[in-house]
């Protein structure tokens, strides 16, 4: 599905308003960790996918990083792939709204 920029901007506004406690790994672009000593570690999930790592492998890598650094991590942020979110949600939205 081809998505134009206005469409993606609308989805970005929608996603920004959603509480992000549990996010499917396949719509996460990057995970950013902040540490006690004010350092930042970014795991670029999109790049890992481009290198052929599947979502299970990506999830294991993120979990491993958290496990080995849990005492130093003070914050974790997700950068979402808005296009992936839109592609995942829009078909279901279209189906629900079809009869209206």
PDB file of N, CA and C in Angstrom:
ATOM      1  N   UNK A   1       0.834  -1.164   0.000  1.00  0.00           N
ATOM      2  CA  UNK A   1       0.000   0.000   0.000  1.00  0.00           C
ATOM      3  C   UNK A   1       0.888   1.240   0.000  1.00  0.00           C
ATOM      4  N   UNK A   2       0.695   2.131  -0.939  1.00  0.00           N
ATOM      5  CA  UNK A   2       1.442   3.383  -0.986  1.00  0.00           C
ATOM      6  C   UNK A   2       0.753   4.411  -0.109  1.00  0.00           C
ATOM      7  N   UNK A   3       1.536   5.089   0.706  1.00  0.00           N
ATOM      8  CA  UNK A   3       0.986   6.049   1.646  1.00  0.00           C
ATOM      9  C   UNK A   3       1.606   7.414   1.388  1.00  0.00           C
ATOM     10  N   UNK A   4       0.757   8.435   1.233  1.00  0.00           N
ATOM     11  CA  UNK A   4       1.309   9.768   0.990  1.00  0.00           C
ATOM     12  C   UNK A   4       1.707  10.424   2.315  1.00  0.00           C
ATOM     13  N   UNK A   5       2.438  11.526   2.219  1.00  0.00           N
ATOM     14  CA  UNK A   5       2.982  12.188   3.412  1.00  0.00           C
ATOM     15  C   UNK A   5       1.901  12.706   4.353  1.00  0.00           C
ATOM     16  N   UNK A   6       0.804  13.277   3.823  1.00  0.00           N
ATOM     17  CA  UNK A   6      -0.272  13.778   4.683  1.00  0.00           C
ATOM     18  C   UNK A   6      -0.900  12.630   5.477  1.00  0.00           C
ATOM     19  N   UNK A   7      -1.083  11.510   4.805  1.00  0.00           N
ATOM     20  CA  UNK A   7      -1.642  10.330   5.454  1.00  0.00           C
ATOM     21  C   UNK A   7      -0.740   9.899   6.610  1.00  0.00           C
ATOM     22  N   UNK A   8       0.565   9.853   6.373  1.00  0.00           N
ATOM     23  CA  UNK A   8       1.506   9.448   7.411  1.00  0.00           C
ATOM     24  C   UNK A   8       1.562  10.460   8.546  1.00  0.00           C
ATOM     25  N   UNK A   9       1.471  11.749   8.238  1.00  0.00           N
ATOM     26  CA  UNK A   9       1.445  12.775   9.284  1.00  0.00           C
ATOM     27  C   UNK A   9       0.225  12.609  10.180  1.00  0.00           C
ATOM     28  N   UNK A  10      -0.916  12.296   9.571  1.00  0.00           N
ATOM     29  CA  UNK A  10      -2.119  12.053  10.365  1.00  0.00           C
ATOM     30  C   UNK A  10      -1.916  10.859  11.297  1.00  0.00           C
ATOM     31  N   UNK A  11      -1.331   9.800  10.788  1.00  0.00           N
ATOM     32  CA  UNK A  11      -1.073   8.631  11.614  1.00  0.00           C
ATOM     33  C   UNK A  11      -0.077   8.960  12.713  1.00  0.00           C
ATOM     34  N   UNK A  12       0.916   9.778  12.417  1.00  0.00           N
ATOM     35  CA  UNK A  12       1.902  10.157  13.422  1.00  0.00           C
ATOM     36  C   UNK A  12       1.225  10.902  14.573  1.00  0.00           C
ATOM     37  N   UNK A  13       0.305  11.791  14.257  1.00  0.00           N
ATOM     38  CA  UNK A  13      -0.445  12.517  15.296  1.00  0.00           C
ATOM     39  C   UNK A  13      -1.270  11.548  16.141  1.00  0.00           C
ATOM     40  N   UNK A  14      -1.898  10.590  15.491  1.00  0.00           N
ATOM     41  CA  UNK A  14      -2.704   9.601  16.213  1.00  0.00           C
ATOM     42  C   UNK A  14      -1.817   8.773  17.140  1.00  0.00           C
ATOM     43  N   UNK A  15      -0.716   8.275  16.622  1.00  0.00           N
ATOM     44  CA  UNK A  15       0.176   7.406  17.398  1.00  0.00           C
ATOM     45  C   UNK A  15       0.786   8.161  18.569  1.00  0.00           C
ATOM     46  N   UNK A  16       1.106   9.437  18.384  1.00  0.00           N
ATOM     47  CA  UNK A  16       1.685  10.223  19.470  1.00  0.00           C
ATOM     48  C   UNK A  16       0.755  10.326  20.672  1.00  0.00           C
ATOM     49  N   UNK A  17      -0.545  10.189  20.452  1.00  0.00           N
ATOM     50  CA  UNK A  17      -1.528  10.323  21.528  1.00  0.00           C
ATOM     51  C   UNK A  17      -1.799   9.000  22.248  1.00  0.00           C
ATOM     52  N   UNK A  18      -1.249   7.908  21.762  1.00  0.00           N
ATOM     53  CA  UNK A  18      -1.516   6.592  22.337  1.00  0.00           C
ATOM     54  C   UNK A  18      -0.481   6.271  23.414  1.00  0.00           C
ATOM     55  N   UNK A  19      -0.954   5.713  24.524  1.00  0.00           N
ATOM     56  CA  UNK A  19      -0.058   5.247  25.575  1.00  0.00           C
ATOM     57  C   UNK A  19       0.719   4.054  25.040  1.00  0.00           C
ATOM     58  N   UNK A  20       2.036   4.061  25.175  1.00  0.00           N
ATOM     59  CA  UNK A  20       2.876   3.048  24.540  1.00  0.00           C
ATOM     60  C   UNK A  20       3.494   2.096  25.561  1.00  0.00           C
ATOM     61  N   UNK A  21       2.646   1.450  26.357  1.00  0.00           N
ATOM     62  CA  UNK A  21       3.161   0.488  27.326  1.00  0.00           C
ATOM     63  C   UNK A  21       3.579  -0.821  26.670  1.00  0.00           C
ATOM     64  N   UNK A  22       2.783  -1.291  25.737  1.00  0.00           N
ATOM     65  CA  UNK A  22       3.083  -2.543  25.060  1.00  0.00           C
ATOM     66  C   UNK A  22       2.978  -2.308  23.566  1.00  0.00           C
ATOM     67  N   UNK A  23       4.091  -2.488  22.886  1.00  0.00           N
ATOM     68  CA  UNK A  23       4.158  -2.192  21.459  1.00  0.00           C
ATOM     69  C   UNK A  23       4.647  -3.430  20.726  1.00  0.00           C
ATOM     70  N   UNK A  24       3.954  -3.828  19.656  1.00  0.00           N
ATOM     71  CA  UNK A  24       4.471  -4.958  18.869  1.00  0.00           C
ATOM     72  C   UNK A  24       5.843  -4.608  18.286  1.00  0.00           C
ATOM     73  N   UNK A  25       6.776  -5.512  18.410  1.00  0.00           N
ATOM     74  CA  UNK A  25       8.161  -5.260  17.985  1.00  0.00           C
ATOM     75  C   UNK A  25       8.247  -4.930  16.501  1.00  0.00           C
ATOM     76  N   UNK A  26       7.296  -5.425  15.700  1.00  0.00           N
ATOM     77  CA  UNK A  26       7.386  -5.211  14.259  1.00  0.00           C
ATOM     78  C   UNK A  26       7.032  -3.787  13.827  1.00  0.00           C
ATOM     79  N   UNK A  27       6.577  -2.939  14.749  1.00  0.00           N
ATOM     80  CA  UNK A  27       6.304  -1.546  14.398  1.00  0.00           C
ATOM     81  C   UNK A  27       7.286  -0.586  15.076  1.00  0.00           C
ATOM     82  N   UNK A  28       8.310  -1.132  15.742  1.00  0.00           N
ATOM     83  CA  UNK A  28       9.319  -0.303  16.401  1.00  0.00           C
ATOM     84  C   UNK A  28      10.508  -0.138  15.459  1.00  0.00           C
ATOM     85  N   UNK A  29      10.897   1.116  15.253  1.00  0.00           N
ATOM     86  CA  UNK A  29      12.039   1.435  14.396  1.00  0.00           C
ATOM     87  C   UNK A  29      13.342   1.395  15.198  1.00  0.00           C
ATOM     88  N   UNK A  30      13.318   1.992  16.391  1.00  0.00           N
ATOM     89  CA  UNK A  30      14.508   2.057  17.249  1.00  0.00           C
ATOM     90  C   UNK A  30      14.084   1.976  18.700  1.00  0.00           C
ATOM     91  N   UNK A  31      15.000   1.461  19.533  1.00  0.00           N
ATOM     92  CA  UNK A  31      14.827   1.508  20.977  1.00  0.00           C
ATOM     93  C   UNK A  31      16.004   2.307  21.518  1.00  0.00           C
ATOM     94  N   UNK A  32      15.680   3.317  22.325  1.00  0.00           N
ATOM     95  CA  UNK A  32      16.711   4.184  22.888  1.00  0.00           C
ATOM     96  C   UNK A  32      16.725   3.979  24.401  1.00  0.00           C
ATOM     97  N   UNK A  33      17.890   3.652  24.923  1.00  0.00           N
ATOM     98  CA  UNK A  33      18.074   3.468  26.355  1.00  0.00           C
ATOM     99  C   UNK A  33      18.863   4.647  26.906  1.00  0.00           C
ATOM    100  N   UNK A  34      18.429   5.176  28.033  1.00  0.00           N
ATOM    101  CA  UNK A  34      19.164   6.214  28.754  1.00  0.00           C
ATOM    102  C   UNK A  34      19.706   5.564  30.024  1.00  0.00           C
ATOM    103  N   UNK A  35      20.948   5.914  30.370  1.00  0.00           N
ATOM    104  CA  UNK A  35      21.593   5.292  31.523  1.00  0.00           C
ATOM    105  C   UNK A  35      21.807   6.299  32.650  1.00  0.00           C
ATOM    106  N   UNK A  36      22.160   5.754  33.800  1.00  0.00           N
ATOM    107  CA  UNK A  36      22.400   6.593  34.984  1.00  0.00           C
ATOM    108  C   UNK A  36      23.465   7.650  34.733  1.00  0.00           C
ATOM    109  N   UNK A  37      24.489   7.299  33.973  1.00  0.00           N
ATOM    110  CA  UNK A  37      25.569   8.254  33.707  1.00  0.00           C
ATOM    111  C   UNK A  37      25.272   9.136  32.485  1.00  0.00           C
ATOM    112  N   UNK A  38      23.990   9.247  32.152  1.00  0.00           N
ATOM    113  CA  UNK A  38      23.490  10.126  31.095  1.00  0.00           C
ATOM    114  C   UNK A  38      23.969   9.751  29.700  1.00  0.00           C
ATOM    115  N   UNK A  39      24.312   8.514  29.530  1.00  0.00           N
ATOM    116  CA  UNK A  39      24.659   8.018  28.203  1.00  0.00           C
ATOM    117  C   UNK A  39      23.419   7.509  27.512  1.00  0.00           C
ATOM    118  N   UNK A  40      23.563   7.320  26.216  1.00  0.00           N
ATOM    119  CA  UNK A  40      22.451   6.821  25.416  1.00  0.00           C
ATOM    120  C   UNK A  40      22.927   5.653  24.578  1.00  0.00           C
ATOM    121  N   UNK A  41      22.125   4.607  24.534  1.00  0.00           N
ATOM    122  CA  UNK A  41      22.393   3.446  23.680  1.00  0.00           C
ATOM    123  C   UNK A  41      21.167   3.263  22.805  1.00  0.00           C
ATOM    124  N   UNK A  42      21.377   3.261  21.487  1.00  0.00           N
ATOM    125  CA  UNK A  42      20.280   3.073  20.550  1.00  0.00           C
ATOM    126  C   UNK A  42      20.452   1.747  19.833  1.00  0.00           C
ATOM    127  N   UNK A  43      19.396   0.955  19.817  1.00  0.00           N
ATOM    128  CA  UNK A  43      19.377  -0.266  19.023  1.00  0.00           C
ATOM    129  C   UNK A  43      18.452   0.013  17.846  1.00  0.00           C
ATOM    130  N   UNK A  44      19.017   0.029  16.657  1.00  0.00           N
ATOM    131  CA  UNK A  44      18.271   0.345  15.438  1.00  0.00           C
ATOM    132  C   UNK A  44      17.659  -0.938  14.880  1.00  0.00           C
ATOM    133  N   UNK A  45      16.383  -1.152  15.206  1.00  0.00           N
ATOM    134  CA  UNK A  45      15.706  -2.375  14.789  1.00  0.00           C
ATOM    135  C   UNK A  45      15.488  -2.417  13.283  1.00  0.00           C
ATOM    136  N   UNK A  46      15.263  -1.269  12.692  1.00  0.00           N
ATOM    137  CA  UNK A  46      15.061  -1.212  11.243  1.00  0.00           C
ATOM    138  C   UNK A  46      16.328  -1.692  10.515  1.00  0.00           C
ATOM    139  N   UNK A  47      17.469  -1.273  10.991  1.00  0.00           N
ATOM    140  CA  UNK A  47      18.729  -1.698  10.375  1.00  0.00           C
ATOM    141  C   UNK A  47      18.935  -3.205  10.555  1.00  0.00           C
ATOM    142  N   UNK A  48      18.587  -3.722  11.733  1.00  0.00           N
ATOM    143  CA  UNK A  48      18.704  -5.166  11.956  1.00  0.00           C
ATOM    144  C   UNK A  48      17.807  -5.943  10.994  1.00  0.00           C
ATOM    145  N   UNK A  49      16.588  -5.424  10.776  1.00  0.00           N
ATOM    146  CA  UNK A  49      15.686  -6.082   9.815  1.00  0.00           C
ATOM    147  C   UNK A  49      16.289  -6.085   8.418  1.00  0.00           C
ATOM    148  N   UNK A  50      16.878  -4.949   8.032  1.00  0.00           N
ATOM    149  CA  UNK A  50      17.509  -4.845   6.706  1.00  0.00           C
ATOM    150  C   UNK A  50      18.666  -5.827   6.569  1.00  0.00           C
ATOM    151  N   UNK A  51      19.288  -6.184   7.694  1.00  0.00           N
ATOM    152  CA  UNK A  51      20.394  -7.142   7.684  1.00  0.00           C
ATOM    153  C   UNK A  51      19.894  -8.587   7.760  1.00  0.00           C
ATOM    154  N   UNK A  52      18.572  -8.765   7.800  1.00  0.00           N
ATOM    155  CA  UNK A  52      17.998 -10.106   7.759  1.00  0.00           C
ATOM    156  C   UNK A  52      17.641 -10.710   9.102  1.00  0.00           C
ATOM    157  N   UNK A  53      17.763  -9.929  10.178  1.00  0.00           N
ATOM    158  CA  UNK A  53      17.403 -10.446  11.499  1.00  0.00           C
ATOM    159  C   UNK A  53      15.877 -10.425  11.615  1.00  0.00           C
ATOM    160  N   UNK A  54      15.289 -11.562  12.028  1.00  0.00           N
ATOM    161  CA  UNK A  54      13.832 -11.615  12.163  1.00  0.00           C
ATOM    162  C   UNK A  54      13.403 -11.005  13.498  1.00  0.00           C
ATOM    163  N   UNK A  55      12.100 -10.808  13.650  1.00  0.00           N
ATOM    164  CA  UNK A  55      11.588 -10.138  14.848  1.00  0.00           C
ATOM    165  C   UNK A  55      11.898 -10.904  16.130  1.00  0.00           C
ATOM    166  N   UNK A  56      11.931 -12.237  16.074  1.00  0.00           N
ATOM    167  CA  UNK A  56      12.291 -13.019  17.262  1.00  0.00           C
ATOM    168  C   UNK A  56      13.735 -12.735  17.673  1.00  0.00           C
ATOM    169  N   UNK A  57      14.627 -12.673  16.692  1.00  0.00           N
ATOM    170  CA  UNK A  57      16.026 -12.367  16.963  1.00  0.00           C
ATOM    171  C   UNK A  57      16.201 -10.961  17.505  1.00  0.00           C
ATOM    172  N   UNK A  58      15.431 -10.029  16.964  1.00  0.00           N
ATOM    173  CA  UNK A  58      15.490  -8.643  17.430  1.00  0.00           C
ATOM    174  C   UNK A  58      15.001  -8.559  18.876  1.00  0.00           C
ATOM    175  N   UNK A  59      13.901  -9.235  19.157  1.00  0.00           N
ATOM    176  CA  UNK A  59      13.358  -9.224  20.511  1.00  0.00           C
ATOM    177  C   UNK A  59      14.358  -9.817  21.495  1.00  0.00           C
ATOM    178  N   UNK A  60      15.014 -10.888  21.100  1.00  0.00           N
ATOM    179  CA  UNK A  60      16.025 -11.507  21.958  1.00  0.00           C
ATOM    180  C   UNK A  60      17.194 -10.563  22.211  1.00  0.00           C
ATOM    181  N   UNK A  61      17.612  -9.820  21.173  1.00  0.00           N
ATOM    182  CA  UNK A  61      18.721  -8.880  21.324  1.00  0.00           C
ATOM    183  C   UNK A  61      18.366  -7.758  22.293  1.00  0.00           C
ATOM    184  N   UNK A  62      17.157  -7.236  22.167  1.00  0.00           N
ATOM    185  CA  UNK A  62      16.718  -6.163  23.062  1.00  0.00           C
ATOM    186  C   UNK A  62      16.610  -6.687  24.495  1.00  0.00           C
ATOM    187  N   UNK A  63      15.991  -7.851  24.665  1.00  0.00           N
ATOM    188  CA  UNK A  63      15.858  -8.437  26.001  1.00  0.00           C
ATOM    189  C   UNK A  63      17.223  -8.721  26.628  1.00  0.00           C
ATOM    190  N   UNK A  64      18.165  -9.184  25.824  1.00  0.00           N
ATOM    191  CA  UNK A  64      19.512  -9.470  26.317  1.00  0.00           C
ATOM    192  C   UNK A  64      20.194  -8.182  26.783  1.00  0.00           C
ATOM    193  N   UNK A  65      20.057  -7.116  25.988  1.00  0.00           N
ATOM    194  CA  UNK A  65      20.655  -5.832  26.380  1.00  0.00           C
ATOM    195  C   UNK A  65      20.058  -5.360  27.702  1.00  0.00           C
ATOM    196  N   UNK A  66      18.737  -5.463  27.828  1.00  0.00           N
ATOM    197  CA  UNK A  66      18.076  -5.025  29.058  1.00  0.00           C
ATOM    198  C   UNK A  66      18.570  -5.862  30.244  1.00  0.00           C
ATOM    199  N   UNK A  67      18.631  -7.165  30.062  1.00  0.00           N
ATOM    200  CA  UNK A  67      19.054  -8.062  31.140  1.00  0.00           C
ATOM    201  C   UNK A  67      20.469  -7.734  31.621  1.00  0.00           C
ATOM    202  N   UNK A  68      21.372  -7.478  30.677  1.00  0.00           N
ATOM    203  CA  UNK A  68      22.767  -7.229  31.027  1.00  0.00           C
ATOM    204  C   UNK A  68      23.026  -5.801  31.511  1.00  0.00           C
ATOM    205  N   UNK A  69      22.067  -4.915  31.337  1.00  0.00           N
ATOM    206  CA  UNK A  69      22.281  -3.513  31.702  1.00  0.00           C
ATOM    207  C   UNK A  69      21.169  -2.947  32.583  1.00  0.00           C
ATOM    208  N   UNK A  70      20.337  -3.813  33.139  1.00  0.00           N
ATOM    209  CA  UNK A  70      19.149  -3.334  33.856  1.00  0.00           C
ATOM    210  C   UNK A  70      19.474  -2.410  35.024  1.00  0.00           C
ATOM    211  N   UNK A  71      20.605  -2.588  35.672  1.00  0.00           N
ATOM    212  CA  UNK A  71      20.955  -1.721  36.797  1.00  0.00           C
ATOM    213  C   UNK A  71      21.335  -0.312  36.356  1.00  0.00           C
ATOM    214  N   UNK A  72      21.761  -0.165  35.105  1.00  0.00           N
ATOM    215  CA  UNK A  72      22.185   1.146  34.602  1.00  0.00           C
ATOM    216  C   UNK A  72      21.096   1.875  33.815  1.00  0.00           C
ATOM    217  N   UNK A  73      20.106   1.161  33.333  1.00  0.00           N
ATOM    218  CA  UNK A  73      19.064   1.767  32.496  1.00  0.00           C
ATOM    219  C   UNK A  73      18.096   2.552  33.374  1.00  0.00           C
ATOM    220  N   UNK A  74      17.907   3.822  33.018  1.00  0.00           N
ATOM    221  CA  UNK A  74      16.945   4.651  33.746  1.00  0.00           C
ATOM    222  C   UNK A  74      15.687   4.923  32.932  1.00  0.00           C
ATOM    223  N   UNK A  75      15.807   4.758  31.629  1.00  0.00           N
ATOM    224  CA  UNK A  75      14.667   5.066  30.764  1.00  0.00           C
ATOM    225  C   UNK A  75      14.810   4.335  29.439  1.00  0.00           C
ATOM    226  N   UNK A  76      13.677   3.952  28.871  1.00  0.00           N
ATOM    227  CA  UNK A  76      13.667   3.289  27.574  1.00  0.00           C
ATOM    228  C   UNK A  76      12.602   3.975  26.714  1.00  0.00           C
ATOM    229  N   UNK A  77      12.989   4.372  25.501  1.00  0.00           N
ATOM    230  CA  UNK A  77      12.070   5.044  24.589  1.00  0.00           C
ATOM    231  C   UNK A  77      11.966   4.242  23.298  1.00  0.00           C
ATOM    232  N   UNK A  78      10.777   4.269  22.704  1.00  0.00           N
ATOM    233  CA  UNK A  78      10.549   3.594  21.438  1.00  0.00           C
ATOM    234  C   UNK A  78      10.330   4.634  20.351  1.00  0.00           C
ATOM    235  N   UNK A  79      11.007   4.460  19.234  1.00  0.00           N
ATOM    236  CA  UNK A  79      10.738   5.265  18.040  1.00  0.00           C
ATOM    237  C   UNK A  79       9.962   4.346  17.111  1.00  0.00           C
ATOM    238  N   UNK A  80       8.719   4.733  16.829  1.00  0.00           N
ATOM    239  CA  UNK A  80       7.858   3.875  16.024  1.00  0.00           C
ATOM    240  C   UNK A  80       8.039   4.123  14.537  1.00  0.00           C
ATOM    241  N   UNK A  81       7.813   3.082  13.776  1.00  0.00           N
ATOM    242  CA  UNK A  81       7.795   3.164  12.316  1.00  0.00           C
ATOM    243  C   UNK A  81       6.346   3.464  11.927  1.00  0.00           C
ATOM    244  N   UNK A  82       6.069   4.740  11.696  1.00  0.00           N
ATOM    245  CA  UNK A  82       4.704   5.187  11.440  1.00  0.00           C
ATOM    246  C   UNK A  82       4.115   4.481  10.225  1.00  0.00           C
ATOM    247  N   UNK A  83       4.912   4.269   9.217  1.00  0.00           N
ATOM    248  CA  UNK A  83       4.427   3.577   8.018  1.00  0.00           C
ATOM    249  C   UNK A  83       3.990   2.150   8.363  1.00  0.00           C
ATOM    250  N   UNK A  84       4.764   1.459   9.200  1.00  0.00           N
ATOM    251  CA  UNK A  84       4.416   0.097   9.607  1.00  0.00           C
ATOM    252  C   UNK A  84       3.131   0.092  10.440  1.00  0.00           C
ATOM    253  N   UNK A  85       2.970   1.085  11.313  1.00  0.00           N
ATOM    254  CA  UNK A  85       1.749   1.184  12.113  1.00  0.00           C
ATOM    255  C   UNK A  85       0.554   1.401  11.199  1.00  0.00           C
ATOM    256  N   UNK A  86       0.678   2.352  10.273  1.00  0.00           N
ATOM    257  CA  UNK A  86      -0.420   2.653   9.351  1.00  0.00           C
ATOM    258  C   UNK A  86      -0.771   1.442   8.497  1.00  0.00           C
ATOM    259  N   UNK A  87       0.244   0.768   7.979  1.00  0.00           N
ATOM    260  CA  UNK A  87      -0.010  -0.418   7.152  1.00  0.00           C
ATOM    261  C   UNK A  87      -0.684  -1.529   7.936  1.00  0.00           C
ATOM    262  N   UNK A  88      -0.404  -1.603   9.219  1.00  0.00           N
ATOM    263  CA  UNK A  88      -0.980  -2.645  10.059  1.00  0.00           C
ATOM    264  C   UNK A  88      -2.421  -2.309  10.462  1.00  0.00           C
ATOM    265  N   UNK A  89      -2.675  -1.055  10.757  1.00  0.00           N
ATOM    266  CA  UNK A  89      -3.964  -0.662  11.308  1.00  0.00           C
ATOM    267  C   UNK A  89      -4.971  -0.230  10.248  1.00  0.00           C
ATOM    268  N   UNK A  90      -4.517   0.411   9.189  1.00  0.00           N
ATOM    269  CA  UNK A  90      -5.437   0.980   8.207  1.00  0.00           C
ATOM    270  C   UNK A  90      -6.363  -0.054   7.551  1.00  0.00           C
ATOM    271  N   UNK A  91      -5.886  -1.219   7.137  1.00  0.00           N
ATOM    272  CA  UNK A  91      -6.807  -2.194   6.535  1.00  0.00           C
ATOM    273  C   UNK A  91      -7.950  -2.591   7.472  1.00  0.00           C
ATOM    274  N   UNK A  92      -7.649  -2.751   8.752  1.00  0.00           N
ATOM    275  CA  UNK A  92      -8.699  -3.096   9.716  1.00  0.00           C
ATOM    276  C   UNK A  92      -9.647  -1.916   9.913  1.00  0.00           C
ATOM    277  N   UNK A  93      -9.099  -0.708   9.950  1.00  0.00           N
ATOM    278  CA  UNK A  93      -9.931   0.494  10.044  1.00  0.00           C
ATOM    279  C   UNK A  93     -10.862   0.596   8.843  1.00  0.00           C
ATOM    280  N   UNK A  94     -10.341   0.379   7.658  1.00  0.00           N
ATOM    281  CA  UNK A  94     -11.154   0.410   6.433  1.00  0.00           C
ATOM    282  C   UNK A  94     -12.271  -0.639   6.505  1.00  0.00           C
ATOM    283  N   UNK A  95     -11.941  -1.824   6.997  1.00  0.00           N
ATOM    284  CA  UNK A  95     -12.940  -2.896   7.078  1.00  0.00           C
ATOM    285  C   UNK A  95     -14.065  -2.511   8.040  1.00  0.00           C
ATOM    286  N   UNK A  96     -13.691  -1.963   9.188  1.00  0.00           N
ATOM    287  CA  UNK A  96     -14.688  -1.587  10.196  1.00  0.00           C
ATOM    288  C   UNK A  96     -15.584  -0.457   9.680  1.00  0.00           C
ATOM    289  N   UNK A  97     -14.995   0.503   9.002  1.00  0.00           N
ATOM    290  CA  UNK A  97     -15.742   1.680   8.562  1.00  0.00           C
ATOM    291  C   UNK A  97     -16.419   1.507   7.204  1.00  0.00           C
ATOM    292  N   UNK A  98     -16.221   0.374   6.559  1.00  0.00           N
ATOM    293  CA  UNK A  98     -16.742   0.156   5.207  1.00  0.00           C
ATOM    294  C   UNK A  98     -18.234   0.373   5.098  1.00  0.00           C
ATOM    295  N   UNK A  99     -18.997  -0.091   6.032  1.00  0.00           N
ATOM    296  CA  UNK A  99     -20.444   0.003   5.955  1.00  0.00           C
ATOM    297  C   UNK A  99     -21.033   1.341   6.399  1.00  0.00           C
ATOM    298  N   UNK A 100     -20.199   2.239   6.859  1.00  0.00           N
ATOM    299  CA  UNK A 100     -20.724   3.513   7.369  1.00  0.00           C
ATOM    300  C   UNK A 100     -20.965   4.516   6.293  1.00  0.00           C
TER     301      UNK A 100
END
